[in-house]
Amino acid sequence: MPLKPITLYSHAGPNGWKVAFILEELGLPYTTKFIPFSVVRKEPYISINPNGRVPAIEDPNTNTTLWESGAILEYLVETYDRQEGNKERKISFAPGTPEYFEAKQWLHFQTSGQGPYFGQAVWFTVYHPEKLPSARERYIKEVRRVSGVLDGVLASRQYLVGGRFSYVDAAFITWFSVIPQFLSDAIDVERDFPNVSVWLGRLQSRPAIAKVVKERADVVASQFS
């Protein structure tokens, strides 16, 4: 029986597109509903995600509703990235293997480190009603720290886990896009973190990733032009 489309709730911000990458990489049918920033904390959306953020998904194939991007990525690969009789998954790793847990390590680093710190750097650069140079400086330093961790690791490998592309590589892509968009006066990824820059280029050459990157660019252009 063919799968029913998963509903992805998203907007122009980075987190929803992490989920779209994985849906595309796994070839899953889905539809995207864009939720304006002005209504994410109102009904009917907060009945889906009481935290009033995106992304969230509704999967009619399993009657599952989930929010928090990291949890959604884990759900998608553990539910749909399966090959019977083969421990080699397409974009994830077999449960119980060292790579399985290492992937979770990087996903936790992305959701607890990259996303919040990059987001706060943008907030104090663009959206905070007062100019607070010390706050901006703190979060710019954290963006550099997180990027430096990745750059050091990627000096000796092409992908984060297992020598091949996986879902945790994809999880980092969209937050790096805020640097040229909002933080270019302070950080140049190609110059400052060359291994990260090469890695991002490698990831974005994948057809599924390139498709979603283009779609997001179109949405961002339409909302912020």
C-alpha atoms as a PDB file:
ATOM      1  CA  MET A   1       0.000   0.000   0.000  1.00  0.00           C
ATOM      2  CA  PRO A   2       1.499   3.387  -0.940  1.00  0.00           C
ATOM      3  CA  LEU A   3       2.395   5.754   1.852  1.00  0.00           C
ATOM      4  CA  LYS A   4       0.140   8.700   2.597  1.00  0.00           C
ATOM      5  CA  PRO A   5       1.784  12.130   2.499  1.00  0.00           C
ATOM      6  CA  ILE A   6       3.291  13.374   5.745  1.00  0.00           C
ATOM      7  CA  THR A   7       2.339  16.946   6.630  1.00  0.00           C
ATOM      8  CA  LEU A   8       5.288  19.189   7.484  1.00  0.00           C
ATOM      9  CA  TYR A   9       4.570  22.479   9.247  1.00  0.00           C
ATOM     10  CA  SER A  10       7.295  24.972   8.459  1.00  0.00           C
ATOM     11  CA  HIS A  11       8.166  28.601   7.664  1.00  0.00           C
ATOM     12  CA  ALA A  12      11.128  30.531   6.263  1.00  0.00           C
ATOM     13  CA  GLY A  13      13.314  29.927   9.341  1.00  0.00           C
ATOM     14  CA  PRO A  14      15.993  27.208   9.324  1.00  0.00           C
ATOM     15  CA  ASN A  15      14.523  24.382  11.399  1.00  0.00           C
ATOM     16  CA  GLY A  16      11.667  23.176   9.218  1.00  0.00           C
ATOM     17  CA  TRP A  17      13.955  22.727   6.249  1.00  0.00           C
ATOM     18  CA  LYS A  18      16.100  20.251   8.165  1.00  0.00           C
ATOM     19  CA  VAL A  19      13.058  17.975   8.119  1.00  0.00           C
ATOM     20  CA  ALA A  20      12.447  18.606   4.421  1.00  0.00           C
ATOM     21  CA  PHE A  21      15.996  17.454   3.663  1.00  0.00           C
ATOM     22  CA  ILE A  22      15.321  14.097   5.303  1.00  0.00           C
ATOM     23  CA  LEU A  23      11.908  13.651   3.709  1.00  0.00           C
ATOM     24  CA  GLU A  24      13.474  14.265   0.304  1.00  0.00           C
ATOM     25  CA  GLU A  25      16.494  12.044   0.941  1.00  0.00           C
ATOM     26  CA  LEU A  26      14.202   9.176   1.962  1.00  0.00           C
ATOM     27  CA  GLY A  27      11.843   9.770  -0.949  1.00  0.00           C
ATOM     28  CA  LEU A  28       8.834  10.110   1.352  1.00  0.00           C
ATOM     29  CA  PRO A  29       5.655  11.787   0.125  1.00  0.00           C
ATOM     30  CA  TYR A  30       4.895  14.998   2.010  1.00  0.00           C
ATOM     31  CA  THR A  31       3.130  18.308   1.831  1.00  0.00           C
ATOM     32  CA  THR A  32       4.348  21.480   3.479  1.00  0.00           C
ATOM     33  CA  LYS A  33       2.059  23.903   5.281  1.00  0.00           C
ATOM     34  CA  PHE A  34       3.753  27.236   5.912  1.00  0.00           C
ATOM     35  CA  ILE A  35       2.797  28.795   9.233  1.00  0.00           C
ATOM     36  CA  PRO A  36       3.331  32.562   9.448  1.00  0.00           C
ATOM     37  CA  PHE A  37       5.434  33.743  12.391  1.00  0.00           C
ATOM     38  CA  SER A  38       2.431  35.756  13.594  1.00  0.00           C
ATOM     39  CA  VAL A  39       0.243  32.700  14.233  1.00  0.00           C
ATOM     40  CA  VAL A  40       2.612  29.986  15.456  1.00  0.00           C
ATOM     41  CA  ARG A  41       1.512  30.621  19.044  1.00  0.00           C
ATOM     42  CA  LYS A  42      -2.200  30.641  18.279  1.00  0.00           C
ATOM     43  CA  GLU A  43      -4.859  28.081  17.575  1.00  0.00           C
ATOM     44  CA  PRO A  44      -5.192  25.924  15.617  1.00  0.00           C
ATOM     45  CA  TYR A  45      -1.410  25.431  15.369  1.00  0.00           C
ATOM     46  CA  ILE A  46      -0.687  25.201  19.102  1.00  0.00           C
ATOM     47  CA  SER A  47      -2.967  22.178  19.243  1.00  0.00           C
ATOM     48  CA  ILE A  48      -0.339  20.523  17.054  1.00  0.00           C
ATOM     49  CA  ASN A  49       2.692  22.045  18.756  1.00  0.00           C
ATOM     50  CA  PRO A  50       1.947  23.544  22.174  1.00  0.00           C
ATOM     51  CA  ASN A  51       5.422  25.118  22.160  1.00  0.00           C
ATOM     52  CA  GLY A  52       4.359  27.396  19.304  1.00  0.00           C
ATOM     53  CA  ARG A  53       7.346  26.741  17.062  1.00  0.00           C
ATOM     54  CA  VAL A  54       8.050  24.987  13.801  1.00  0.00           C
ATOM     55  CA  PRO A  55       8.638  22.368  12.642  1.00  0.00           C
ATOM     56  CA  ALA A  56       6.015  19.810  13.442  1.00  0.00           C
ATOM     57  CA  ILE A  57       4.802  16.832  11.467  1.00  0.00           C
ATOM     58  CA  GLU A  58       1.639  14.779  11.229  1.00  0.00           C
ATOM     59  CA  ASP A  59       2.191  11.286   9.847  1.00  0.00           C
ATOM     60  CA  PRO A  60      -1.079   9.594   8.868  1.00  0.00           C
ATOM     61  CA  ASN A  61       0.764   6.342   8.189  1.00  0.00           C
ATOM     62  CA  THR A  62       1.488   5.845  11.889  1.00  0.00           C
ATOM     63  CA  ASN A  63      -0.976   8.319  13.436  1.00  0.00           C
ATOM     64  CA  THR A  64       2.002  10.205  14.856  1.00  0.00           C
ATOM     65  CA  THR A  65       2.234  13.929  15.572  1.00  0.00           C
ATOM     66  CA  LEU A  66       5.666  15.231  16.579  1.00  0.00           C
ATOM     67  CA  TRP A  67       7.402  18.540  17.180  1.00  0.00           C
ATOM     68  CA  GLU A  68      11.037  19.464  17.871  1.00  0.00           C
ATOM     69  CA  SER A  69      13.240  19.047  14.816  1.00  0.00           C
ATOM     70  CA  GLY A  70      15.714  16.634  16.391  1.00  0.00           C
ATOM     71  CA  ALA A  71      12.965  14.280  17.529  1.00  0.00           C
ATOM     72  CA  ILE A  72      11.393  14.440  14.078  1.00  0.00           C
ATOM     73  CA  LEU A  73      14.644  13.550  12.325  1.00  0.00           C
ATOM     74  CA  GLU A  74      15.164  10.567  14.627  1.00  0.00           C
ATOM     75  CA  TYR A  75      11.585   9.447  14.070  1.00  0.00           C
ATOM     76  CA  LEU A  76      11.855   9.640  10.289  1.00  0.00           C
ATOM     77  CA  VAL A  77      15.076   7.663   9.983  1.00  0.00           C
ATOM     78  CA  GLU A  78      14.095   5.079  12.580  1.00  0.00           C
ATOM     79  CA  THR A  79      10.659   4.594  11.018  1.00  0.00           C
ATOM     80  CA  TYR A  80      11.437   4.812   7.317  1.00  0.00           C
ATOM     81  CA  ASP A  81      15.166   4.305   6.713  1.00  0.00           C
ATOM     82  CA  ARG A  82      15.056   0.531   6.813  1.00  0.00           C
ATOM     83  CA  GLN A  83      16.340  -2.112   4.450  1.00  0.00           C
ATOM     84  CA  GLU A  84      15.283  -5.607   5.417  1.00  0.00           C
ATOM     85  CA  GLY A  85      18.200  -7.951   5.966  1.00  0.00           C
ATOM     86  CA  ASN A  86      20.717  -5.156   5.475  1.00  0.00           C
ATOM     87  CA  LYS A  87      22.316  -3.260   8.336  1.00  0.00           C
ATOM     88  CA  GLU A  88      23.395  -0.492   5.979  1.00  0.00           C
ATOM     89  CA  ARG A  89      20.740   2.209   6.060  1.00  0.00           C
ATOM     90  CA  LYS A  90      20.493   4.884   3.381  1.00  0.00           C
ATOM     91  CA  ILE A  91      21.117   7.949   5.590  1.00  0.00           C
ATOM     92  CA  SER A  92      21.333   6.508   9.109  1.00  0.00           C
ATOM     93  CA  PHE A  93      22.933   3.633  10.991  1.00  0.00           C
ATOM     94  CA  ALA A  94      21.798   0.344  12.432  1.00  0.00           C
ATOM     95  CA  PRO A  95      20.621   0.559  16.067  1.00  0.00           C
ATOM     96  CA  GLY A  96      23.224  -0.476  18.604  1.00  0.00           C
ATOM     97  CA  THR A  97      26.237   0.269  16.412  1.00  0.00           C
ATOM     98  CA  PRO A  98      28.837   2.868  17.421  1.00  0.00           C
ATOM     99  CA  GLU A  99      27.789   4.996  14.438  1.00  0.00           C
ATOM    100  CA  TYR A 100      24.163   4.960  15.611  1.00  0.00           C
ATOM    101  CA  PHE A 101      25.138   6.625  18.883  1.00  0.00           C
ATOM    102  CA  GLU A 102      27.713   8.909  17.306  1.00  0.00           C
ATOM    103  CA  ALA A 103      25.008  10.223  14.984  1.00  0.00           C
ATOM    104  CA  LYS A 104      22.822  10.980  17.996  1.00  0.00           C
ATOM    105  CA  GLN A 105      25.770  12.800  19.582  1.00  0.00           C
ATOM    106  CA  TRP A 106      26.070  15.122  16.581  1.00  0.00           C
ATOM    107  CA  LEU A 107      22.311  15.647  16.401  1.00  0.00           C
ATOM    108  CA  HIS A 108      22.256  16.714  20.055  1.00  0.00           C
ATOM    109  CA  PHE A 109      25.165  19.058  19.362  1.00  0.00           C
ATOM    110  CA  GLN A 110      23.236  20.610  16.496  1.00  0.00           C
ATOM    111  CA  THR A 111      19.975  21.078  18.382  1.00  0.00           C
ATOM    112  CA  SER A 112      21.534  22.268  21.644  1.00  0.00           C
ATOM    113  CA  GLY A 113      24.556  24.128  20.323  1.00  0.00           C
ATOM    114  CA  GLN A 114      24.351  25.266  16.740  1.00  0.00           C
ATOM    115  CA  GLY A 115      20.663  26.190  16.473  1.00  0.00           C
ATOM    116  CA  PRO A 116      20.275  28.188  19.710  1.00  0.00           C
ATOM    117  CA  TYR A 117      23.599  30.041  19.472  1.00  0.00           C
ATOM    118  CA  PHE A 118      23.286  30.877  15.791  1.00  0.00           C
ATOM    119  CA  GLY A 119      19.698  31.959  16.438  1.00  0.00           C
ATOM    120  CA  GLN A 120      20.666  34.262  19.298  1.00  0.00           C
ATOM    121  CA  ALA A 121      23.434  35.816  17.207  1.00  0.00           C
ATOM    122  CA  VAL A 122      20.843  36.673  14.577  1.00  0.00           C
ATOM    123  CA  TRP A 123      18.388  37.909  17.198  1.00  0.00           C
ATOM    124  CA  PHE A 124      20.817  40.384  18.755  1.00  0.00           C
ATOM    125  CA  THR A 125      22.027  41.463  15.313  1.00  0.00           C
ATOM    126  CA  VAL A 126      18.672  42.021  13.638  1.00  0.00           C
ATOM    127  CA  TYR A 127      15.604  41.732  15.829  1.00  0.00           C
ATOM    128  CA  HIS A 128      16.341  42.839  19.385  1.00  0.00           C
ATOM    129  CA  PRO A 129      14.789  46.289  19.925  1.00  0.00           C
ATOM    130  CA  GLU A 130      17.953  47.631  21.602  1.00  0.00           C
ATOM    131  CA  LYS A 131      21.493  47.430  20.312  1.00  0.00           C
ATOM    132  CA  LEU A 132      23.447  45.331  22.822  1.00  0.00           C
ATOM    133  CA  PRO A 133      26.961  44.882  21.447  1.00  0.00           C
ATOM    134  CA  SER A 134      28.070  42.692  24.361  1.00  0.00           C
ATOM    135  CA  ALA A 135      25.214  40.233  23.781  1.00  0.00           C
ATOM    136  CA  ARG A 136      25.897  40.088  20.072  1.00  0.00           C
ATOM    137  CA  GLU A 137      29.599  39.574  20.706  1.00  0.00           C
ATOM    138  CA  ARG A 138      28.890  36.678  23.075  1.00  0.00           C
ATOM    139  CA  TYR A 139      26.797  34.819  20.516  1.00  0.00           C
ATOM    140  CA  ILE A 140      29.123  35.583  17.620  1.00  0.00           C
ATOM    141  CA  LYS A 141      31.856  33.959  19.703  1.00  0.00           C
ATOM    142  CA  GLU A 142      29.613  30.926  20.202  1.00  0.00           C
ATOM    143  CA  VAL A 143      28.940  30.712  16.464  1.00  0.00           C
ATOM    144  CA  ARG A 144      32.709  30.689  15.978  1.00  0.00           C
ATOM    145  CA  ARG A 145      33.190  28.065  18.680  1.00  0.00           C
ATOM    146  CA  VAL A 146      30.589  25.699  17.256  1.00  0.00           C
ATOM    147  CA  SER A 147      31.900  26.206  13.727  1.00  0.00           C
ATOM    148  CA  GLY A 148      35.429  25.591  14.978  1.00  0.00           C
ATOM    149  CA  VAL A 149      34.427  22.262  16.520  1.00  0.00           C
ATOM    150  CA  LEU A 150      33.024  21.136  13.185  1.00  0.00           C
ATOM    151  CA  ASP A 151      35.964  22.523  11.235  1.00  0.00           C
ATOM    152  CA  GLY A 152      38.442  20.618  13.377  1.00  0.00           C
ATOM    153  CA  VAL A 153      36.623  17.328  13.003  1.00  0.00           C
ATOM    154  CA  LEU A 154      36.084  17.792   9.276  1.00  0.00           C
ATOM    155  CA  ALA A 155      39.803  18.324   8.724  1.00  0.00           C
ATOM    156  CA  SER A 156      40.182  14.541   8.683  1.00  0.00           C
ATOM    157  CA  ARG A 157      36.852  13.333   7.300  1.00  0.00           C
ATOM    158  CA  GLN A 158      34.335  14.122   4.570  1.00  0.00           C
ATOM    159  CA  TYR A 159      31.230  13.493   6.663  1.00  0.00           C
ATOM    160  CA  LEU A 160      30.490  13.553  10.363  1.00  0.00           C
ATOM    161  CA  VAL A 161      29.788   9.854  10.940  1.00  0.00           C
ATOM    162  CA  GLY A 162      30.758   6.581   9.342  1.00  0.00           C
ATOM    163  CA  GLY A 163      32.565   7.953   6.301  1.00  0.00           C
ATOM    164  CA  ARG A 164      29.348   8.692   4.434  1.00  0.00           C
ATOM    165  CA  PHE A 165      26.488  11.167   4.253  1.00  0.00           C
ATOM    166  CA  SER A 166      23.869  10.793   6.960  1.00  0.00           C
ATOM    167  CA  TYR A 167      20.948  12.670   8.411  1.00  0.00           C
ATOM    168  CA  VAL A 168      23.143  14.499  10.910  1.00  0.00           C
ATOM    169  CA  ASP A 169      25.151  16.160   8.157  1.00  0.00           C
ATOM    170  CA  ALA A 170      21.911  17.533   6.739  1.00  0.00           C
ATOM    171  CA  ALA A 171      20.812  18.825  10.141  1.00  0.00           C
ATOM    172  CA  PHE A 172      23.536  21.492  10.175  1.00  0.00           C
ATOM    173  CA  ILE A 173      23.029  22.995   6.713  1.00  0.00           C
ATOM    174  CA  THR A 174      20.338  25.622   7.064  1.00  0.00           C
ATOM    175  CA  TRP A 175      21.665  27.340  10.171  1.00  0.00           C
ATOM    176  CA  PHE A 176      24.910  28.049   8.333  1.00  0.00           C
ATOM    177  CA  SER A 177      22.873  30.006   5.800  1.00  0.00           C
ATOM    178  CA  VAL A 178      22.215  32.716   8.416  1.00  0.00           C
ATOM    179  CA  ILE A 179      25.898  33.679   8.425  1.00  0.00           C
ATOM    180  CA  PRO A 180      26.055  35.240   4.943  1.00  0.00           C
ATOM    181  CA  GLN A 181      22.512  36.536   5.364  1.00  0.00           C
ATOM    182  CA  PHE A 182      22.927  38.287   8.730  1.00  0.00           C
ATOM    183  CA  LEU A 183      26.438  37.895  10.165  1.00  0.00           C
ATOM    184  CA  SER A 184      28.739  38.458   7.201  1.00  0.00           C
ATOM    185  CA  ASP A 185      30.374  41.487   8.844  1.00  0.00           C
ATOM    186  CA  ALA A 186      31.743  39.201  11.561  1.00  0.00           C
ATOM    187  CA  ILE A 187      32.237  35.762   9.970  1.00  0.00           C
ATOM    188  CA  ASP A 188      33.295  34.445   6.572  1.00  0.00           C
ATOM    189  CA  VAL A 189      32.797  30.683   6.559  1.00  0.00           C
ATOM    190  CA  GLU A 190      34.963  30.041   3.494  1.00  0.00           C
ATOM    191  CA  ARG A 191      37.866  31.996   4.981  1.00  0.00           C
ATOM    192  CA  ASP A 192      37.468  31.226   8.670  1.00  0.00           C
ATOM    193  CA  PHE A 193      36.280  27.602   8.528  1.00  0.00           C
ATOM    194  CA  PRO A 194      37.480  26.144   5.218  1.00  0.00           C
ATOM    195  CA  ASN A 195      36.728  22.520   6.092  1.00  0.00           C
ATOM    196  CA  VAL A 196      33.153  23.430   6.964  1.00  0.00           C
ATOM    197  CA  SER A 197      32.859  25.374   3.704  1.00  0.00           C
ATOM    198  CA  VAL A 198      33.995  22.395   1.613  1.00  0.00           C
ATOM    199  CA  TRP A 199      31.672  20.073   3.571  1.00  0.00           C
ATOM    200  CA  LEU A 200      28.674  22.341   3.021  1.00  0.00           C
ATOM    201  CA  GLY A 201      29.432  22.459  -0.683  1.00  0.00           C
ATOM    202  CA  ARG A 202      29.628  18.670  -0.776  1.00  0.00           C
ATOM    203  CA  LEU A 203      26.284  18.356   1.004  1.00  0.00           C
ATOM    204  CA  GLN A 204      24.542  20.887  -1.191  1.00  0.00           C
ATOM    205  CA  SER A 205      25.637  19.062  -4.331  1.00  0.00           C
ATOM    206  CA  ARG A 206      23.281  16.211  -3.425  1.00  0.00           C
ATOM    207  CA  PRO A 207      20.112  16.460  -5.569  1.00  0.00           C
ATOM    208  CA  ALA A 208      17.673  16.153  -2.651  1.00  0.00           C
ATOM    209  CA  ILE A 209      19.532  18.765  -0.611  1.00  0.00           C
ATOM    210  CA  ALA A 210      19.913  21.117  -3.583  1.00  0.00           C
ATOM    211  CA  LYS A 211      16.179  20.891  -4.282  1.00  0.00           C
ATOM    212  CA  VAL A 212      15.255  21.911  -0.737  1.00  0.00           C
ATOM    213  CA  VAL A 213      17.910  24.647  -0.574  1.00  0.00           C
ATOM    214  CA  LYS A 214      16.428  26.168  -3.738  1.00  0.00           C
ATOM    215  CA  GLU A 215      12.874  25.928  -2.387  1.00  0.00           C
ATOM    216  CA  ARG A 216      13.898  27.634   0.840  1.00  0.00           C
ATOM    217  CA  ALA A 217      15.719  30.406  -1.037  1.00  0.00           C
ATOM    218  CA  ASP A 218      12.531  31.074  -2.989  1.00  0.00           C
ATOM    219  CA  VAL A 219      10.445  31.220   0.207  1.00  0.00           C
ATOM    220  CA  VAL A 220      12.946  33.490   1.961  1.00  0.00           C
ATOM    221  CA  ALA A 221      13.086  35.786  -1.072  1.00  0.00           C
ATOM    222  CA  SER A 222       9.298  36.032  -1.209  1.00  0.00           C
ATOM    223  CA  GLN A 223       8.955  36.806   2.499  1.00  0.00           C
ATOM    224  CA  PHE A 224      11.922  39.115   3.044  1.00  0.00           C
ATOM    225  CA  SER A 225      12.329  40.897  -0.302  1.00  0.00           C
END
